[in-house]
Amino acid sequence: MIDVQDKEDLRALGDLVRDLRDHSAGADFMLIGAAARDLLLQHHHGVEPLRKTTDVDFAFALSDWPAYIALTERLIESGCFKPDERTQHRLRNRIGTMVDLLPFGGVESPEAQIVWPPPGETLMSVIGYAEANAATESVMLPGAVPLAVITIPMFALLKLFAWDDRHWAQPRKDASDLLFVLDHAFRVAGLERLHDVAPELRVEAVALVRK
């Protein structure tokens, strides 16, 4: 488990996760997106983020759309969250943080896509979410709040899928995020792993990192 209880700048995230857990009726969820990247790379490994993120993304494993609707209703009725008027899957918590709730599992099509109801016109790919959820990092946040977080390798994989899905509409964004993660994840963890798994590649890898 990664223990970041001493990171005071993560206390707001701990409070947010506690509110989610208290009012989600035991739903299984994980932190994904840029907030997950920064939690692992910045707060655990000391790598400064490419850019600051203003929202927090959580992926929920749910059986169907009624379960998703019930989840959002419970969160709003708790008084800890309120809906965002412009974005269907977004809530704001009591301090104004944007919280995106992204469902996967029973709501997916065979192609790992979800169609937001209503009016059922907005498509979103959730390919890889189930696999990511099966292999998360366990993190302990300030206030002794546990959280499942997508791993850096799975984050990179989902970024690759996202780039393939939307690079014409949002050029460069996913590609630059992917490059940043690949570069820094290799620097903080890759060389150690190479020493054990493929020592014959270590000299070449060191040379690449030093360029």
C-alpha atoms as a PDB file:
ATOM      1  CA  MET A   1       0.000   0.000   0.000  1.00  0.00           C
ATOM      2  CA  ILE A   2       1.148   3.536  -0.801  1.00  0.00           C
ATOM      3  CA  ASP A   3       0.836   5.680   2.338  1.00  0.00           C
ATOM      4  CA  VAL A   4       0.430   9.415   1.682  1.00  0.00           C
ATOM      5  CA  GLN A   5      -1.368  10.287   4.926  1.00  0.00           C
ATOM      6  CA  ASP A   6       1.273  12.922   5.683  1.00  0.00           C
ATOM      7  CA  LYS A   7       0.503  14.892   2.502  1.00  0.00           C
ATOM      8  CA  GLU A   8      -1.690  17.728   3.733  1.00  0.00           C
ATOM      9  CA  ASP A   9      -2.411  18.908   0.198  1.00  0.00           C
ATOM     10  CA  LEU A  10      -4.226  15.588  -0.337  1.00  0.00           C
ATOM     11  CA  ARG A  11      -6.585  16.079   2.600  1.00  0.00           C
ATOM     12  CA  ALA A  12      -9.301  17.537   0.361  1.00  0.00           C
ATOM     13  CA  LEU A  13      -9.103  14.424  -1.814  1.00  0.00           C
ATOM     14  CA  GLY A  14      -9.385  12.268   1.299  1.00  0.00           C
ATOM     15  CA  ASP A  15     -12.504  14.163   2.395  1.00  0.00           C
ATOM     16  CA  LEU A  16     -13.989  13.795  -1.100  1.00  0.00           C
ATOM     17  CA  VAL A  17     -13.351  10.055  -1.196  1.00  0.00           C
ATOM     18  CA  ARG A  18     -14.837   9.625   2.291  1.00  0.00           C
ATOM     19  CA  ASP A  19     -18.021  11.399   1.174  1.00  0.00           C
ATOM     20  CA  LEU A  20     -18.228   9.202  -1.925  1.00  0.00           C
ATOM     21  CA  ARG A  21     -17.760   6.029   0.084  1.00  0.00           C
ATOM     22  CA  ASP A  22     -20.229   7.054   2.796  1.00  0.00           C
ATOM     23  CA  HIS A  23     -23.008   7.688   0.276  1.00  0.00           C
ATOM     24  CA  SER A  24     -22.378   5.222  -2.559  1.00  0.00           C
ATOM     25  CA  ALA A  25     -23.863   2.154  -0.833  1.00  0.00           C
ATOM     26  CA  GLY A  26     -20.726   0.061  -1.170  1.00  0.00           C
ATOM     27  CA  ALA A  27     -20.184   0.664  -4.888  1.00  0.00           C
ATOM     28  CA  ASP A  28     -16.787  -0.362  -6.242  1.00  0.00           C
ATOM     29  CA  PHE A  29     -14.850   2.612  -7.621  1.00  0.00           C
ATOM     30  CA  MET A  30     -11.340   3.725  -8.507  1.00  0.00           C
ATOM     31  CA  LEU A  31      -9.579   7.019  -9.144  1.00  0.00           C
ATOM     32  CA  ILE A  32      -8.609   7.498 -12.787  1.00  0.00           C
ATOM     33  CA  GLY A  33      -7.521  10.365 -15.027  1.00  0.00           C
ATOM     34  CA  ALA A  34      -5.060  13.172 -14.319  1.00  0.00           C
ATOM     35  CA  ALA A  35      -5.750  13.169 -10.573  1.00  0.00           C
ATOM     36  CA  ALA A  36      -4.596   9.531 -10.423  1.00  0.00           C
ATOM     37  CA  ARG A  37      -1.510  10.333 -12.488  1.00  0.00           C
ATOM     38  CA  ASP A  38      -0.577  13.217 -10.178  1.00  0.00           C
ATOM     39  CA  LEU A  39      -1.278  11.240  -7.015  1.00  0.00           C
ATOM     40  CA  LEU A  40       1.164   8.517  -8.039  1.00  0.00           C
ATOM     41  CA  LEU A  41       3.812  10.490  -9.916  1.00  0.00           C
ATOM     42  CA  GLN A  42       3.812  13.774  -7.989  1.00  0.00           C
ATOM     43  CA  HIS A  43       2.926  12.778  -4.452  1.00  0.00           C
ATOM     44  CA  HIS A  44       4.534   9.346  -4.429  1.00  0.00           C
ATOM     45  CA  HIS A  45       7.536   9.903  -6.713  1.00  0.00           C
ATOM     46  CA  GLY A  46       8.059  13.681  -6.619  1.00  0.00           C
ATOM     47  CA  VAL A  47       7.461  14.326 -10.340  1.00  0.00           C
ATOM     48  CA  GLU A  48       5.856  17.700 -11.036  1.00  0.00           C
ATOM     49  CA  PRO A  49       2.713  17.412 -13.201  1.00  0.00           C
ATOM     50  CA  LEU A  50       2.565  18.426 -16.844  1.00  0.00           C
ATOM     51  CA  ARG A  51      -0.337  20.750 -16.012  1.00  0.00           C
ATOM     52  CA  LYS A  52      -2.684  21.197 -13.093  1.00  0.00           C
ATOM     53  CA  THR A  53      -5.991  19.351 -13.190  1.00  0.00           C
ATOM     54  CA  THR A  54      -9.232  20.974 -12.024  1.00  0.00           C
ATOM     55  CA  ASP A  55     -11.464  17.911 -11.867  1.00  0.00           C
ATOM     56  CA  VAL A  56     -11.334  14.469 -10.290  1.00  0.00           C
ATOM     57  CA  ASP A  57     -12.449  11.384 -12.225  1.00  0.00           C
ATOM     58  CA  PHE A  58     -13.818   8.235 -10.622  1.00  0.00           C
ATOM     59  CA  ALA A  59     -14.831   5.079 -12.487  1.00  0.00           C
ATOM     60  CA  PHE A  60     -17.639   3.058 -10.894  1.00  0.00           C
ATOM     61  CA  ALA A  61     -18.292  -0.618 -11.614  1.00  0.00           C
ATOM     62  CA  LEU A  62     -22.085  -0.781 -11.870  1.00  0.00           C
ATOM     63  CA  SER A  63     -24.626  -3.356 -12.985  1.00  0.00           C
ATOM     64  CA  ASP A  64     -26.872  -1.101 -15.093  1.00  0.00           C
ATOM     65  CA  TRP A  65     -28.045   2.461 -15.688  1.00  0.00           C
ATOM     66  CA  PRO A  66     -30.640   2.432 -12.882  1.00  0.00           C
ATOM     67  CA  ALA A  67     -27.746   1.697 -10.495  1.00  0.00           C
ATOM     68  CA  TYR A  68     -25.868   4.709 -11.860  1.00  0.00           C
ATOM     69  CA  ILE A  69     -28.889   6.985 -11.527  1.00  0.00           C
ATOM     70  CA  ALA A  70     -29.470   5.747  -7.965  1.00  0.00           C
ATOM     71  CA  LEU A  71     -25.809   6.418  -7.148  1.00  0.00           C
ATOM     72  CA  THR A  72     -25.931  10.024  -8.339  1.00  0.00           C
ATOM     73  CA  GLU A  73     -29.247  10.602  -6.554  1.00  0.00           C
ATOM     74  CA  ARG A  74     -27.818   9.307  -3.253  1.00  0.00           C
ATOM     75  CA  LEU A  75     -24.788  11.559  -3.568  1.00  0.00           C
ATOM     76  CA  ILE A  76     -26.906  14.638  -4.289  1.00  0.00           C
ATOM     77  CA  GLU A  77     -29.425  13.848  -1.543  1.00  0.00           C
ATOM     78  CA  SER A  78     -26.563  13.533   0.961  1.00  0.00           C
ATOM     79  CA  GLY A  79     -25.942  17.271   0.641  1.00  0.00           C
ATOM     80  CA  CYS A  80     -22.245  16.635  -0.055  1.00  0.00           C
ATOM     81  CA  PHE A  81     -22.647  17.038  -3.815  1.00  0.00           C
ATOM     82  CA  LYS A  82     -24.726  19.024  -6.255  1.00  0.00           C
ATOM     83  CA  PRO A  83     -25.256  18.496 -10.001  1.00  0.00           C
ATOM     84  CA  ASP A  84     -23.399  20.401 -12.675  1.00  0.00           C
ATOM     85  CA  GLU A  85     -25.833  22.050 -15.058  1.00  0.00           C
ATOM     86  CA  ARG A  86     -23.645  21.652 -18.147  1.00  0.00           C
ATOM     87  CA  THR A  87     -22.233  18.128 -17.815  1.00  0.00           C
ATOM     88  CA  GLN A  88     -24.430  15.108 -17.202  1.00  0.00           C
ATOM     89  CA  HIS A  89     -21.889  12.910 -15.425  1.00  0.00           C
ATOM     90  CA  ARG A  90     -20.362  15.697 -13.309  1.00  0.00           C
ATOM     91  CA  LEU A  91     -21.100  16.714  -9.723  1.00  0.00           C
ATOM     92  CA  ARG A  92     -19.523  19.378  -7.546  1.00  0.00           C
ATOM     93  CA  ASN A  93     -18.673  18.735  -3.935  1.00  0.00           C
ATOM     94  CA  ARG A  94     -19.137  21.175  -1.078  1.00  0.00           C
ATOM     95  CA  ILE A  95     -15.906  23.071  -1.846  1.00  0.00           C
ATOM     96  CA  GLY A  96     -16.650  23.270  -5.575  1.00  0.00           C
ATOM     97  CA  THR A  97     -14.386  20.495  -6.882  1.00  0.00           C
ATOM     98  CA  MET A  98     -15.629  19.036 -10.166  1.00  0.00           C
ATOM     99  CA  VAL A  99     -16.189  15.296  -9.757  1.00  0.00           C
ATOM    100  CA  ASP A 100     -16.786  13.139 -12.834  1.00  0.00           C
ATOM    101  CA  LEU A 101     -18.561   9.809 -12.256  1.00  0.00           C
ATOM    102  CA  LEU A 102     -17.892   7.387 -15.118  1.00  0.00           C
ATOM    103  CA  PRO A 103     -19.695   4.026 -15.094  1.00  0.00           C
ATOM    104  CA  PHE A 104     -18.469   0.772 -16.595  1.00  0.00           C
ATOM    105  CA  GLY A 105     -19.355  -2.903 -16.296  1.00  0.00           C
ATOM    106  CA  GLY A 106     -22.990  -3.770 -16.819  1.00  0.00           C
ATOM    107  CA  VAL A 107     -23.662  -0.490 -18.635  1.00  0.00           C
ATOM    108  CA  GLU A 108     -21.179  -1.310 -21.427  1.00  0.00           C
ATOM    109  CA  SER A 109     -21.938  -2.534 -24.918  1.00  0.00           C
ATOM    110  CA  PRO A 110     -19.983  -5.536 -26.278  1.00  0.00           C
ATOM    111  CA  GLU A 111     -17.643  -2.954 -27.848  1.00  0.00           C
ATOM    112  CA  ALA A 112     -16.905  -1.479 -24.385  1.00  0.00           C
ATOM    113  CA  GLN A 113     -18.856   1.703 -25.065  1.00  0.00           C
ATOM    114  CA  ILE A 114     -21.489   3.467 -23.017  1.00  0.00           C
ATOM    115  CA  VAL A 115     -24.351   5.597 -24.323  1.00  0.00           C
ATOM    116  CA  TRP A 116     -25.460   8.274 -21.872  1.00  0.00           C
ATOM    117  CA  PRO A 117     -29.223   8.336 -21.192  1.00  0.00           C
ATOM    118  CA  PRO A 118     -31.161  10.426 -22.092  1.00  0.00           C
ATOM    119  CA  PRO A 119     -31.189  11.251 -25.004  1.00  0.00           C
ATOM    120  CA  GLY A 120     -28.788   8.401 -25.694  1.00  0.00           C
ATOM    121  CA  GLU A 121     -26.657  10.229 -28.230  1.00  0.00           C
ATOM    122  CA  THR A 122     -23.311  10.703 -26.465  1.00  0.00           C
ATOM    123  CA  LEU A 123     -20.924   7.775 -26.874  1.00  0.00           C
ATOM    124  CA  MET A 124     -17.938   7.144 -24.630  1.00  0.00           C
ATOM    125  CA  SER A 125     -15.409   4.334 -24.725  1.00  0.00           C
ATOM    126  CA  VAL A 126     -14.642   2.533 -21.455  1.00  0.00           C
ATOM    127  CA  ILE A 127     -12.374  -0.080 -22.974  1.00  0.00           C
ATOM    128  CA  GLY A 128      -9.817  -1.266 -20.425  1.00  0.00           C
ATOM    129  CA  TYR A 129     -11.690  -0.006 -17.358  1.00  0.00           C
ATOM    130  CA  ALA A 130     -12.606  -3.461 -16.055  1.00  0.00           C
ATOM    131  CA  GLU A 131      -9.009  -4.655 -16.466  1.00  0.00           C
ATOM    132  CA  ALA A 132      -7.694  -1.530 -14.754  1.00  0.00           C
ATOM    133  CA  ASN A 133     -10.098  -2.026 -11.858  1.00  0.00           C
ATOM    134  CA  ALA A 134      -8.813  -5.572 -11.345  1.00  0.00           C
ATOM    135  CA  ALA A 135      -5.249  -4.351 -10.774  1.00  0.00           C
ATOM    136  CA  THR A 136      -5.376  -1.032  -8.908  1.00  0.00           C
ATOM    137  CA  GLU A 137      -2.873   0.526  -6.514  1.00  0.00           C
ATOM    138  CA  SER A 138      -4.009   0.757  -2.895  1.00  0.00           C
ATOM    139  CA  VAL A 139      -3.413   4.230  -1.470  1.00  0.00           C
ATOM    140  CA  MET A 140      -4.025   5.520   2.062  1.00  0.00           C
ATOM    141  CA  LEU A 141      -5.018   9.192   2.025  1.00  0.00           C
ATOM    142  CA  PRO A 142      -4.970  11.719   4.898  1.00  0.00           C
ATOM    143  CA  GLY A 143      -7.602  10.872   7.481  1.00  0.00           C
ATOM    144  CA  ALA A 144      -6.899   7.137   7.016  1.00  0.00           C
ATOM    145  CA  VAL A 145      -9.078   7.034   3.888  1.00  0.00           C
ATOM    146  CA  PRO A 146      -8.285   4.098   1.573  1.00  0.00           C
ATOM    147  CA  LEU A 147      -8.568   4.546  -2.168  1.00  0.00           C
ATOM    148  CA  ALA A 148      -8.118   2.294  -5.193  1.00  0.00           C
ATOM    149  CA  VAL A 149      -6.110   4.111  -7.877  1.00  0.00           C
ATOM    150  CA  ILE A 150      -5.471   3.091 -11.466  1.00  0.00           C
ATOM    151  CA  THR A 151      -1.852   2.027 -11.979  1.00  0.00           C
ATOM    152  CA  ILE A 152       0.494   4.076 -14.125  1.00  0.00           C
ATOM    153  CA  PRO A 153       0.794   1.303 -16.784  1.00  0.00           C
ATOM    154  CA  MET A 154      -3.005   1.071 -17.042  1.00  0.00           C
ATOM    155  CA  PHE A 155      -3.289   4.868 -17.122  1.00  0.00           C
ATOM    156  CA  ALA A 156      -0.916   4.881 -20.088  1.00  0.00           C
ATOM    157  CA  LEU A 157      -2.929   2.160 -21.812  1.00  0.00           C
ATOM    158  CA  LEU A 158      -6.201   4.050 -21.353  1.00  0.00           C
ATOM    159  CA  LYS A 159      -4.516   7.190 -22.689  1.00  0.00           C
ATOM    160  CA  LEU A 160      -3.551   5.233 -25.781  1.00  0.00           C
ATOM    161  CA  PHE A 161      -7.154   4.120 -26.240  1.00  0.00           C
ATOM    162  CA  ALA A 162      -8.353   7.701 -25.693  1.00  0.00           C
ATOM    163  CA  TRP A 163      -5.910   9.028 -28.260  1.00  0.00           C
ATOM    164  CA  ASP A 164      -7.148   6.506 -30.818  1.00  0.00           C
ATOM    165  CA  ASP A 165     -10.754   7.430 -30.026  1.00  0.00           C
ATOM    166  CA  ARG A 166     -10.542  11.239 -30.149  1.00  0.00           C
ATOM    167  CA  HIS A 167      -7.225  12.468 -31.559  1.00  0.00           C
ATOM    168  CA  TRP A 168      -8.940  14.099 -34.529  1.00  0.00           C
ATOM    169  CA  ALA A 169     -11.238  16.101 -32.253  1.00  0.00           C
ATOM    170  CA  GLN A 170      -8.604  16.871 -29.576  1.00  0.00           C
ATOM    171  CA  PRO A 171      -5.206  16.700 -31.276  1.00  0.00           C
ATOM    172  CA  ARG A 172      -2.043  16.410 -29.160  1.00  0.00           C
ATOM    173  CA  LYS A 173      -3.717  16.360 -25.716  1.00  0.00           C
ATOM    174  CA  ASP A 174      -3.727  12.601 -25.148  1.00  0.00           C
ATOM    175  CA  ALA A 175      -0.445  12.144 -27.000  1.00  0.00           C
ATOM    176  CA  SER A 176       1.374  14.680 -24.803  1.00  0.00           C
ATOM    177  CA  ASP A 177      -0.124  13.147 -21.654  1.00  0.00           C
ATOM    178  CA  LEU A 178       0.973   9.688 -22.780  1.00  0.00           C
ATOM    179  CA  LEU A 179       4.506  10.847 -23.564  1.00  0.00           C
ATOM    180  CA  PHE A 180       4.802  12.577 -20.186  1.00  0.00           C
ATOM    181  CA  VAL A 181       3.677   9.468 -18.302  1.00  0.00           C
ATOM    182  CA  LEU A 182       5.853   7.079 -20.288  1.00  0.00           C
ATOM    183  CA  ASP A 183       8.907   9.265 -19.811  1.00  0.00           C
ATOM    184  CA  HIS A 184       8.548   9.835 -16.077  1.00  0.00           C
ATOM    185  CA  ALA A 185       7.183   6.425 -15.150  1.00  0.00           C
ATOM    186  CA  PHE A 186      10.236   4.891 -16.785  1.00  0.00           C
ATOM    187  CA  ARG A 187      12.551   7.255 -14.963  1.00  0.00           C
ATOM    188  CA  VAL A 188      11.105   6.547 -11.491  1.00  0.00           C
ATOM    189  CA  ALA A 189      10.439   2.824 -11.834  1.00  0.00           C
ATOM    190  CA  GLY A 190      11.655   1.437 -15.122  1.00  0.00           C
ATOM    191  CA  LEU A 191      15.379   1.305 -14.435  1.00  0.00           C
ATOM    192  CA  GLU A 192      14.899  -0.614 -11.181  1.00  0.00           C
ATOM    193  CA  ARG A 193      12.669  -3.126 -12.913  1.00  0.00           C
ATOM    194  CA  LEU A 194      15.096  -3.511 -15.807  1.00  0.00           C
ATOM    195  CA  HIS A 195      17.839  -4.492 -13.377  1.00  0.00           C
ATOM    196  CA  ASP A 196      15.783  -7.512 -12.298  1.00  0.00           C
ATOM    197  CA  VAL A 197      13.893  -8.397 -15.482  1.00  0.00           C
ATOM    198  CA  ALA A 198      16.226  -7.524 -18.368  1.00  0.00           C
ATOM    199  CA  PRO A 199      19.683  -6.464 -17.134  1.00  0.00           C
ATOM    200  CA  GLU A 200      21.105  -6.715 -20.660  1.00  0.00           C
ATOM    201  CA  LEU A 201      18.982  -3.677 -21.629  1.00  0.00           C
ATOM    202  CA  ARG A 202      19.979  -1.539 -18.649  1.00  0.00           C
ATOM    203  CA  VAL A 203      22.967   0.186 -20.287  1.00  0.00           C
ATOM    204  CA  GLU A 204      20.899   1.218 -23.314  1.00  0.00           C
ATOM    205  CA  ALA A 205      18.039   2.417 -21.080  1.00  0.00           C
ATOM    206  CA  VAL A 206      20.353   4.536 -18.930  1.00  0.00           C
ATOM    207  CA  ALA A 207      21.728   6.172 -22.059  1.00  0.00           C
ATOM    208  CA  LEU A 208      18.227   7.008 -23.302  1.00  0.00           C
ATOM    209  CA  VAL A 209      17.135   8.495 -19.977  1.00  0.00           C
ATOM    210  CA  ARG A 210      20.239  10.714 -19.803  1.00  0.00           C
ATOM    211  CA  LYS A 211      19.648  12.244 -23.241  1.00  0.00           C
END
